[in-house]
Amino acid sequence: MTPGREAITCPFDFSKGLEFDPAFAELMARDSLTRIRLPYGDADAWLVTGFDGVRQVTTDQRFSRAGIIGSDYPRLTPEPIVSPESINVMDPPHSSRLRHLASQAFTPRHVDRMRQTIVRLADTLLDEMAAQGQPADLVHHLSNPLPRQTIFDLLSIPENDWPRMQEYVHQLLATGPDSRETAAAAKAELRAYFGDLVEQRRRSPGKDLISALAAAKEGDDTFDDQELAVMALTLTLSGQDTATCQISNIAYLLLTRPELMDHLRSRPESLTNVLNELLRYIPFRKGVGIPRVAREDVEMDGVRIRAGDFVHVSYLTANRDPERYPDPHVIDPDRPSTPHMTFGWGGHRCIAVPLAMAELEVAIGRLLERFPGLRLAVPPKEVRWDTETIRRFPIELPVAW
């Protein structure tokens, strides 16, 4: 521990609706850098909360993601979620190379084709919800299956394997102290599964996302099999995690804040801007993600971060920085467009943002078009929320129309 700085124990287990974690609010009110202790890992860490500080850490190559590999780094889950081979724990130039190759699978042409798939899947799911009748659980009918079906369809994962894949993902994101062994087994199963799938697509390429990634080239440079398998695994995790939570969270906000629903109904062309404001506002996960380690001593805001120190950043607090966003705790559908950090920042910003935004635009847009009278079928206080993973989202969302 750095002399003179006592670490604050931060379980980051707050899961009350979409209220902002009081622990984060308190940390934001303290110094811009704070020493924290998380539930797992053998060391304390610095926490950076301000927008400018987070931007510095995520773009300054003196802070390394790759440096955490092999260490028992501070984290929220018993088993580290990320694999050592993942792009999420690579530094430039290695991560830059893979990101550049992967971006070729998310060109406007490819995303337009993906959007057609998302529209087809969303319409089918909403048809099924309408046929079942009201009340219906929006999580069950839309926000849970749509991201899963989208990424599985885009990767051409056989439908018989979908339930198994979903269970592995849930096990990997669990925070319970007894979940480590199960999570480690799930990670191993997923890596083996995608390794086999990559071999199949090398032999017999198709129109799926894995085949598109396999065909990506920069001169003579291409993905090798292990890189491709880990990339597919990363897309599977992120494709189900963030989008599932955010469809549910955005729907909940619209259902509990009539003025937002009225705004979108009267100005449907503002959908993308409103979605970005909601993405900025929503605390879609608990605590923090993957830390970095300082390669050398770094001075930040009058604090010396020493070489070897772990550094966590909070995208959630950066999104509420009042110096960046006036009245940050207020949802302003007319807020001028300003980039937020929900998809990350710098060299580890999510490579699949175009796909994620297409999913959200289609899911929320089609939902409001198909069910103009959509309303919550239970009092907001009766909505049940996830408490078993690092995510923040309603596990059921009963609606009527």
Protein backbone atom coordinates (compact mmCIF):
# COMPACT_ATOMS: atom_id res chain seq x y z
CA MET A 1 0.00 0.00 0.00
CA THR A 2 1.18 3.53 -0.73
CA PRO A 3 2.27 5.22 2.53
CA GLY A 4 -0.33 7.53 4.07
CA ARG A 5 -3.22 6.10 2.11
CA GLU A 6 -5.54 3.68 3.89
CA ALA A 7 -7.65 1.58 1.58
CA ILE A 8 -11.45 1.80 1.78
CA THR A 9 -13.18 -1.58 1.66
CA CYS A 10 -15.59 -1.57 -1.30
CA PRO A 11 -17.82 -4.63 -1.73
CA PHE A 12 -19.68 -2.82 -4.53
CA ASP A 13 -22.71 -5.07 -3.97
CA PHE A 14 -25.39 -2.38 -4.28
CA SER A 15 -28.25 -3.64 -6.46
CA LYS A 16 -31.28 -1.48 -5.65
CA GLY A 17 -33.00 -0.80 -8.93
CA LEU A 18 -31.13 1.71 -11.06
CA GLU A 19 -30.22 3.99 -8.20
CA PHE A 20 -26.63 5.16 -8.23
CA ASP A 21 -24.45 3.20 -5.81
CA PRO A 22 -24.07 5.40 -2.66
CA ALA A 23 -20.53 4.05 -2.23
CA PHE A 24 -19.61 5.46 -5.63
CA ALA A 25 -21.27 8.78 -4.82
CA GLU A 26 -19.18 8.98 -1.63
CA LEU A 27 -15.97 8.10 -3.48
CA MET A 28 -16.70 10.78 -6.10
CA ALA A 29 -17.01 13.34 -3.31
CA ARG A 30 -13.58 12.43 -1.92
CA ASP A 31 -10.24 12.89 -3.63
CA SER A 32 -10.14 12.17 -7.35
CA LEU A 33 -7.97 9.12 -6.59
CA THR A 34 -8.79 6.77 -3.73
CA ARG A 35 -7.24 3.55 -2.43
CA ILE A 36 -9.82 0.75 -2.41
CA ARG A 37 -9.95 -2.89 -1.37
CA LEU A 38 -12.18 -5.23 -3.40
CA PRO A 39 -13.62 -8.61 -2.32
CA TYR A 40 -11.06 -10.69 -4.24
CA GLY A 41 -7.38 -10.32 -5.06
CA ASP A 42 -4.26 -10.02 -2.94
CA ALA A 43 -3.66 -6.28 -3.31
CA ASP A 44 -5.38 -2.93 -2.95
CA ALA A 45 -5.90 -0.64 -5.93
CA TRP A 46 -6.28 2.99 -6.86
CA LEU A 47 -9.73 4.02 -8.07
CA VAL A 48 -10.01 6.87 -10.58
CA THR A 49 -13.50 8.39 -10.77
CA GLY A 50 -13.37 11.65 -12.78
CA PHE A 51 -13.90 11.74 -16.54
CA ASP A 52 -10.54 13.33 -17.32
CA GLY A 53 -8.70 10.94 -15.01
CA VAL A 54 -10.40 7.91 -16.50
CA ARG A 55 -9.60 9.18 -19.97
CA GLN A 56 -5.93 9.57 -18.99
CA VAL A 57 -5.60 6.09 -17.52
CA THR A 58 -7.33 4.42 -20.46
CA THR A 59 -5.14 6.14 -23.06
CA ASP A 60 -1.78 6.42 -21.24
CA GLN A 61 0.49 3.49 -22.13
CA ARG A 62 2.19 3.79 -18.75
CA PHE A 63 -0.87 1.90 -17.48
CA SER A 64 -0.93 -1.69 -18.71
CA ARG A 65 -3.76 -4.19 -18.91
CA ALA A 66 -1.36 -6.97 -19.91
CA GLY A 67 0.62 -6.36 -16.73
CA ILE A 68 -2.12 -7.95 -14.61
CA ILE A 69 -1.72 -11.39 -16.20
CA GLY A 70 -0.40 -13.93 -13.74
CA SER A 71 -1.32 -11.83 -10.70
CA ASP A 72 -4.14 -12.23 -8.23
CA TYR A 73 -5.41 -8.79 -9.17
CA PRO A 74 -8.16 -6.93 -7.25
CA ARG A 75 -11.62 -7.74 -8.62
CA LEU A 76 -15.28 -8.42 -7.79
CA THR A 77 -15.59 -12.06 -8.92
CA PRO A 78 -13.86 -15.11 -7.38
CA GLU A 79 -12.70 -16.28 -10.81
CA PRO A 80 -11.28 -13.67 -13.21
CA ILE A 81 -13.80 -13.25 -16.02
CA VAL A 82 -11.28 -12.45 -18.71
CA SER A 83 -9.00 -15.06 -20.33
CA PRO A 84 -5.25 -14.30 -20.47
CA GLU A 85 -5.39 -14.46 -24.28
CA SER A 86 -8.27 -11.98 -24.55
CA ILE A 87 -7.90 -8.69 -26.40
CA ASN A 88 -9.25 -7.08 -23.22
CA VAL A 89 -5.93 -7.73 -21.47
CA MET A 90 -3.60 -6.83 -24.33
CA ASP A 91 -1.68 -3.61 -24.75
CA PRO A 92 -0.76 -1.76 -27.96
CA PRO A 93 0.57 -2.63 -30.45
CA HIS A 94 -0.83 -6.18 -30.03
CA SER A 95 -4.34 -5.02 -29.13
CA SER A 96 -4.28 -2.40 -31.90
CA ARG A 97 -3.48 -5.07 -34.47
CA LEU A 98 -6.37 -7.31 -33.37
CA ARG A 99 -8.80 -4.40 -33.06
CA HIS A 100 -7.94 -3.26 -36.58
CA LEU A 101 -8.55 -6.75 -37.97
CA ALA A 102 -11.79 -7.17 -36.01
CA SER A 103 -13.13 -3.79 -37.13
CA GLN A 104 -13.31 -5.18 -40.67
CA ALA A 105 -16.22 -7.35 -39.51
CA PHE A 106 -18.14 -4.28 -38.27
CA THR A 107 -18.10 -2.05 -41.34
CA PRO A 108 -21.34 -0.21 -42.21
CA ARG A 109 -22.06 -2.86 -44.86
CA HIS A 110 -21.68 -5.71 -42.39
CA VAL A 111 -23.67 -3.90 -39.70
CA ASP A 112 -26.51 -3.19 -42.14
CA ARG A 113 -26.71 -6.91 -42.80
CA MET A 114 -26.60 -7.58 -39.05
CA ARG A 115 -29.42 -5.06 -38.52
CA GLN A 116 -31.61 -7.02 -40.92
CA THR A 117 -31.02 -10.11 -38.77
CA ILE A 118 -31.81 -8.19 -35.58
CA VAL A 119 -35.06 -6.82 -37.05
CA ARG A 120 -36.14 -10.32 -38.11
CA LEU A 121 -35.38 -11.77 -34.68
CA ALA A 122 -36.99 -8.87 -32.79
CA ASP A 123 -40.18 -9.01 -34.85
CA THR A 124 -40.47 -12.75 -34.28
CA LEU A 125 -40.03 -12.33 -30.53
CA LEU A 126 -42.56 -9.49 -30.35
CA ASP A 127 -45.03 -11.53 -32.42
CA GLU A 128 -44.69 -14.31 -29.86
CA MET A 129 -45.23 -11.88 -26.99
CA ALA A 130 -48.35 -10.45 -28.61
CA ALA A 131 -49.69 -13.95 -29.31
CA GLN A 132 -49.22 -15.03 -25.69
CA GLY A 133 -51.18 -12.01 -24.50
CA GLN A 134 -50.86 -9.70 -21.58
CA PRO A 135 -49.38 -9.39 -19.05
CA ALA A 136 -46.05 -10.61 -20.42
CA ASP A 137 -42.49 -10.59 -19.12
CA LEU A 138 -40.44 -8.30 -21.35
CA VAL A 139 -37.17 -9.80 -20.08
CA HIS A 140 -38.31 -13.28 -21.06
CA HIS A 141 -39.73 -12.23 -24.42
CA LEU A 142 -37.27 -9.60 -25.63
CA SER A 143 -34.27 -8.37 -23.66
CA ASN A 144 -32.98 -11.80 -22.68
CA PRO A 145 -33.44 -13.72 -25.95
CA LEU A 146 -32.73 -10.96 -28.50
CA PRO A 147 -29.02 -10.31 -27.73
CA ARG A 148 -28.42 -14.02 -27.21
CA GLN A 149 -30.13 -15.04 -30.43
CA THR A 150 -28.46 -12.19 -32.31
CA ILE A 151 -24.88 -13.08 -31.37
CA PHE A 152 -25.52 -16.83 -31.66
CA ASP A 153 -27.13 -16.31 -35.06
CA LEU A 154 -24.32 -14.05 -36.25
CA LEU A 155 -21.73 -16.60 -35.09
CA SER A 156 -23.86 -19.46 -36.54
CA ILE A 157 -23.84 -21.38 -33.27
CA PRO A 158 -26.24 -24.35 -33.59
CA GLU A 159 -29.53 -23.69 -31.81
CA ASN A 160 -29.20 -26.87 -29.75
CA ASP A 161 -26.12 -25.32 -28.10
CA TRP A 162 -27.78 -22.02 -27.15
CA PRO A 163 -28.99 -23.04 -23.64
CA ARG A 164 -25.56 -24.42 -22.76
CA MET A 165 -23.83 -21.23 -23.94
CA GLN A 166 -26.20 -19.05 -21.92
CA GLU A 167 -25.59 -21.08 -18.76
CA TYR A 168 -21.82 -20.83 -19.17
CA VAL A 169 -22.06 -17.05 -19.50
CA HIS A 170 -24.19 -16.76 -16.35
CA GLN A 171 -21.74 -18.93 -14.40
CA LEU A 172 -18.81 -16.80 -15.53
CA LEU A 173 -20.41 -13.56 -14.31
CA ALA A 174 -21.43 -14.85 -10.86
CA THR A 175 -20.04 -13.05 -7.80
CA GLY A 176 -20.81 -15.60 -5.04
CA PRO A 177 -17.84 -16.87 -3.01
CA ASP A 178 -18.65 -20.49 -3.96
CA SER A 179 -18.80 -19.80 -7.69
CA ARG A 180 -15.10 -19.85 -8.56
CA GLU A 181 -14.78 -23.52 -9.49
CA THR A 182 -17.94 -23.45 -11.60
CA ALA A 183 -16.85 -20.24 -13.33
CA ALA A 184 -13.41 -21.66 -14.14
CA ALA A 185 -15.01 -24.77 -15.64
CA ALA A 186 -17.42 -22.64 -17.68
CA LYS A 187 -14.54 -20.58 -19.06
CA ALA A 188 -12.64 -23.73 -20.06
CA GLU A 189 -15.73 -25.18 -21.76
CA LEU A 190 -16.32 -21.98 -23.72
CA ARG A 191 -12.70 -21.78 -24.88
CA ALA A 192 -12.75 -25.40 -26.03
CA TYR A 193 -16.09 -24.93 -27.78
CA PHE A 194 -14.95 -21.91 -29.77
CA GLY A 195 -11.65 -23.59 -30.57
CA ASP A 196 -13.58 -26.41 -32.26
CA LEU A 197 -15.91 -23.94 -33.99
CA VAL A 198 -13.01 -21.98 -35.46
CA GLU A 199 -11.52 -25.18 -36.90
CA GLN A 200 -14.87 -25.97 -38.53
CA ARG A 201 -15.16 -22.48 -40.08
CA ARG A 202 -11.59 -22.62 -41.37
CA ARG A 203 -12.49 -25.82 -43.21
CA SER A 204 -15.89 -24.63 -44.35
CA PRO A 205 -16.38 -20.84 -44.18
CA GLY A 206 -19.85 -19.32 -44.37
CA LYS A 207 -21.52 -15.93 -44.03
CA ASP A 208 -21.21 -15.87 -40.25
CA LEU A 209 -19.20 -13.48 -38.10
CA ILE A 210 -16.45 -16.00 -37.33
CA SER A 211 -15.90 -16.57 -41.04
CA ALA A 212 -15.83 -12.79 -41.61
CA LEU A 213 -13.21 -12.40 -38.86
CA ALA A 214 -11.22 -15.30 -40.31
CA ALA A 215 -11.19 -13.54 -43.68
CA ALA A 216 -10.01 -10.21 -42.24
CA LYS A 217 -6.54 -9.27 -43.54
CA GLU A 218 -4.08 -6.43 -43.23
CA GLY A 219 -1.39 -7.19 -45.77
CA ASP A 220 -0.34 -10.72 -44.86
CA ASP A 221 -1.58 -10.40 -41.29
CA THR A 222 -4.62 -12.42 -40.18
CA PHE A 223 -6.06 -13.86 -36.98
CA ASP A 224 -4.54 -17.15 -35.89
CA ASP A 225 -6.87 -19.85 -34.58
CA GLN A 226 -6.42 -19.03 -30.90
CA GLU A 227 -6.94 -15.30 -31.47
CA LEU A 228 -10.05 -16.03 -33.47
CA ALA A 229 -11.49 -18.37 -30.83
CA VAL A 230 -10.88 -15.84 -28.04
CA MET A 231 -12.39 -13.05 -30.15
CA ALA A 232 -15.53 -15.16 -30.70
CA LEU A 233 -15.69 -15.87 -26.97
CA THR A 234 -15.30 -12.17 -26.15
CA LEU A 235 -18.12 -11.25 -28.54
CA THR A 236 -20.33 -13.95 -27.02
CA LEU A 237 -19.79 -12.62 -23.50
CA SER A 238 -20.19 -8.94 -24.33
CA GLY A 239 -22.99 -9.62 -26.82
CA GLN A 240 -25.15 -11.16 -24.11
CA ASP A 241 -24.00 -9.17 -21.12
CA THR A 242 -24.29 -5.46 -21.90
CA ALA A 243 -27.09 -5.57 -24.47
CA THR A 244 -29.30 -7.84 -22.32
CA CYS A 245 -28.94 -5.56 -19.31
CA GLN A 246 -29.40 -2.37 -21.26
CA ILE A 247 -32.55 -3.38 -23.14
CA SER A 248 -34.14 -4.24 -19.78
CA ASN A 249 -32.82 -1.13 -18.04
CA ILE A 250 -33.85 1.24 -20.82
CA ALA A 251 -37.32 -0.32 -21.00
CA TYR A 252 -37.66 0.02 -17.21
CA LEU A 253 -36.77 3.72 -17.32
CA LEU A 254 -39.22 4.38 -20.13
CA LEU A 255 -41.96 2.48 -18.31
CA THR A 256 -41.41 4.35 -15.04
CA ARG A 257 -40.80 7.81 -16.47
CA PRO A 258 -43.78 8.74 -18.66
CA GLU A 259 -42.13 11.96 -19.84
CA LEU A 260 -39.37 9.92 -21.52
CA MET A 261 -41.87 7.60 -23.16
CA ASP A 262 -43.90 10.60 -24.39
CA HIS A 263 -40.72 12.22 -25.74
CA LEU A 264 -39.88 9.18 -27.87
CA ARG A 265 -43.45 8.70 -29.06
CA SER A 266 -43.68 12.31 -30.20
CA ARG A 267 -40.12 12.45 -31.57
CA PRO A 268 -39.12 8.97 -32.75
CA GLU A 269 -36.27 10.47 -34.76
CA SER A 270 -34.54 11.31 -31.46
CA LEU A 271 -34.25 7.61 -30.50
CA THR A 272 -30.47 7.31 -30.91
CA ASN A 273 -29.75 10.51 -28.95
CA VAL A 274 -32.10 9.46 -26.14
CA LEU A 275 -30.54 6.01 -26.02
CA ASN A 276 -27.10 7.53 -25.61
CA GLU A 277 -28.32 9.72 -22.75
CA LEU A 278 -29.85 6.68 -21.05
CA LEU A 279 -26.66 4.68 -21.60
CA ARG A 280 -24.71 7.50 -19.93
CA TYR A 281 -27.09 7.57 -16.97
CA ILE A 282 -27.69 3.86 -16.29
CA PRO A 283 -25.39 2.10 -13.78
CA PHE A 284 -25.54 -1.14 -15.76
CA ARG A 285 -22.99 -3.00 -13.66
CA LYS A 286 -21.66 -3.12 -10.13
CA GLY A 287 -18.30 -1.69 -9.20
CA VAL A 288 -15.42 -1.87 -11.62
CA GLY A 289 -14.08 -4.12 -14.36
CA ILE A 290 -10.54 -5.07 -15.31
CA PRO A 291 -7.74 -3.03 -13.70
CA ARG A 292 -4.48 -1.81 -15.13
CA VAL A 293 -1.04 -1.82 -13.52
CA ALA A 294 1.36 1.12 -13.55
CA ARG A 295 4.53 0.37 -15.53
CA GLU A 296 6.35 3.25 -13.82
CA ASP A 297 5.69 5.95 -11.24
CA VAL A 298 2.96 8.31 -12.47
CA GLU A 299 1.78 11.58 -10.94
CA MET A 300 -1.99 12.17 -11.16
CA ASP A 301 -3.85 15.00 -9.42
CA GLY A 302 -1.08 15.41 -6.87
CA VAL A 303 -0.94 11.68 -6.11
CA ARG A 304 2.01 9.44 -6.92
CA ILE A 305 0.92 6.10 -8.35
CA ARG A 306 3.93 3.83 -7.96
CA ALA A 307 5.17 1.29 -10.47
CA GLY A 308 3.38 -2.00 -9.85
CA ASP A 309 0.25 -0.39 -8.34
CA PHE A 310 -3.09 -1.61 -9.63
CA VAL A 311 -5.40 1.10 -11.00
CA HIS A 312 -9.13 0.70 -11.50
CA VAL A 313 -11.25 3.23 -13.39
CA SER A 314 -14.99 3.73 -13.05
CA TYR A 315 -16.88 4.39 -16.25
CA LEU A 316 -20.02 4.76 -14.14
CA THR A 317 -18.65 7.71 -12.17
CA ALA A 318 -17.02 9.23 -15.26
CA ASN A 319 -20.48 9.26 -16.85
CA ARG A 320 -21.75 11.28 -13.85
CA ASP A 321 -18.87 13.78 -13.73
CA PRO A 322 -20.52 17.23 -13.31
CA GLU A 323 -17.61 18.94 -15.04
CA ARG A 324 -18.38 16.91 -18.15
CA TYR A 325 -22.17 16.64 -17.90
CA PRO A 326 -24.17 19.47 -16.28
CA ASP A 327 -26.77 18.04 -13.86
CA PRO A 328 -25.29 14.57 -14.37
CA HIS A 329 -27.86 12.75 -12.20
CA VAL A 330 -30.70 14.05 -14.38
CA ILE A 331 -31.86 12.30 -17.55
CA ASP A 332 -32.04 15.03 -20.19
CA PRO A 333 -33.37 13.69 -23.51
CA ASP A 334 -32.28 16.94 -25.15
CA ARG A 335 -28.75 16.87 -23.74
CA PRO A 336 -26.24 17.90 -26.43
CA SER A 337 -24.49 14.87 -27.84
CA THR A 338 -21.32 14.20 -25.85
CA PRO A 339 -19.51 10.85 -25.95
CA HIS A 340 -20.02 8.70 -22.84
CA MET A 341 -17.95 5.85 -21.43
CA THR A 342 -20.52 3.06 -21.17
CA PHE A 343 -18.77 1.10 -23.93
CA GLY A 344 -15.34 1.90 -22.51
CA TRP A 345 -12.72 4.34 -23.74
CA GLY A 346 -9.42 4.38 -25.55
CA GLY A 347 -7.74 1.20 -26.70
CA HIS A 348 -10.23 -1.04 -24.93
CA ARG A 349 -13.46 0.54 -26.10
CA CYS A 350 -15.86 -2.20 -27.20
CA ILE A 351 -15.16 -3.13 -30.82
CA ALA A 352 -18.78 -4.15 -31.36
CA VAL A 353 -20.41 -0.81 -30.49
CA PRO A 354 -22.09 -0.58 -33.94
CA LEU A 355 -23.72 -3.97 -33.31
CA ALA A 356 -24.76 -3.07 -29.76
CA MET A 357 -26.34 0.22 -30.86
CA ALA A 358 -28.16 -1.53 -33.70
CA GLU A 359 -29.62 -4.00 -31.18
CA LEU A 360 -30.78 -1.24 -28.84
CA GLU A 361 -32.26 0.88 -31.63
CA VAL A 362 -34.15 -2.06 -33.09
CA ALA A 363 -35.31 -3.50 -29.75
CA ILE A 364 -36.59 -0.24 -28.27
CA GLY A 365 -37.80 1.21 -31.57
CA ARG A 366 -39.80 -1.88 -32.59
CA LEU A 367 -41.15 -2.31 -29.06
CA LEU A 368 -42.62 1.20 -28.98
CA GLU A 369 -43.95 0.90 -32.53
CA ARG A 370 -45.66 -2.44 -31.90
CA PHE A 371 -47.02 -1.62 -28.44
CA PRO A 372 -47.84 2.12 -28.26
CA GLY A 373 -49.80 1.60 -25.04
CA LEU A 374 -47.01 -0.32 -23.29
CA ARG A 375 -47.04 0.05 -19.52
CA LEU A 376 -45.65 -1.66 -16.45
CA ALA A 377 -48.08 -4.31 -15.18
CA VAL A 378 -46.89 -4.17 -11.56
CA PRO A 379 -45.86 -1.35 -9.22
CA PRO A 380 -42.19 -0.43 -9.77
CA LYS A 381 -41.30 -1.56 -6.24
CA GLU A 382 -42.37 -5.12 -7.12
CA VAL A 383 -39.88 -5.44 -9.99
CA ARG A 384 -37.17 -7.96 -9.03
CA TRP A 385 -33.51 -7.20 -9.75
CA ASP A 386 -30.44 -9.34 -10.34
CA THR A 387 -28.36 -9.81 -7.20
CA GLU A 388 -26.17 -12.78 -8.20
CA THR A 389 -23.82 -11.26 -10.77
CA ILE A 390 -21.89 -8.07 -11.42
CA ARG A 391 -24.76 -6.82 -13.59
CA ARG A 392 -27.60 -4.41 -12.76
CA PHE A 393 -30.88 -5.22 -14.48
CA PRO A 394 -34.45 -6.37 -13.72
CA ILE A 395 -34.75 -10.16 -13.96
CA GLU A 396 -38.47 -9.77 -14.72
CA LEU A 397 -40.35 -6.86 -16.29
CA PRO A 398 -44.11 -7.57 -16.40
CA VAL A 399 -45.80 -5.37 -19.00
CA ALA A 400 -49.25 -4.83 -20.46
CA TRP A 401 -50.46 -2.87 -23.46
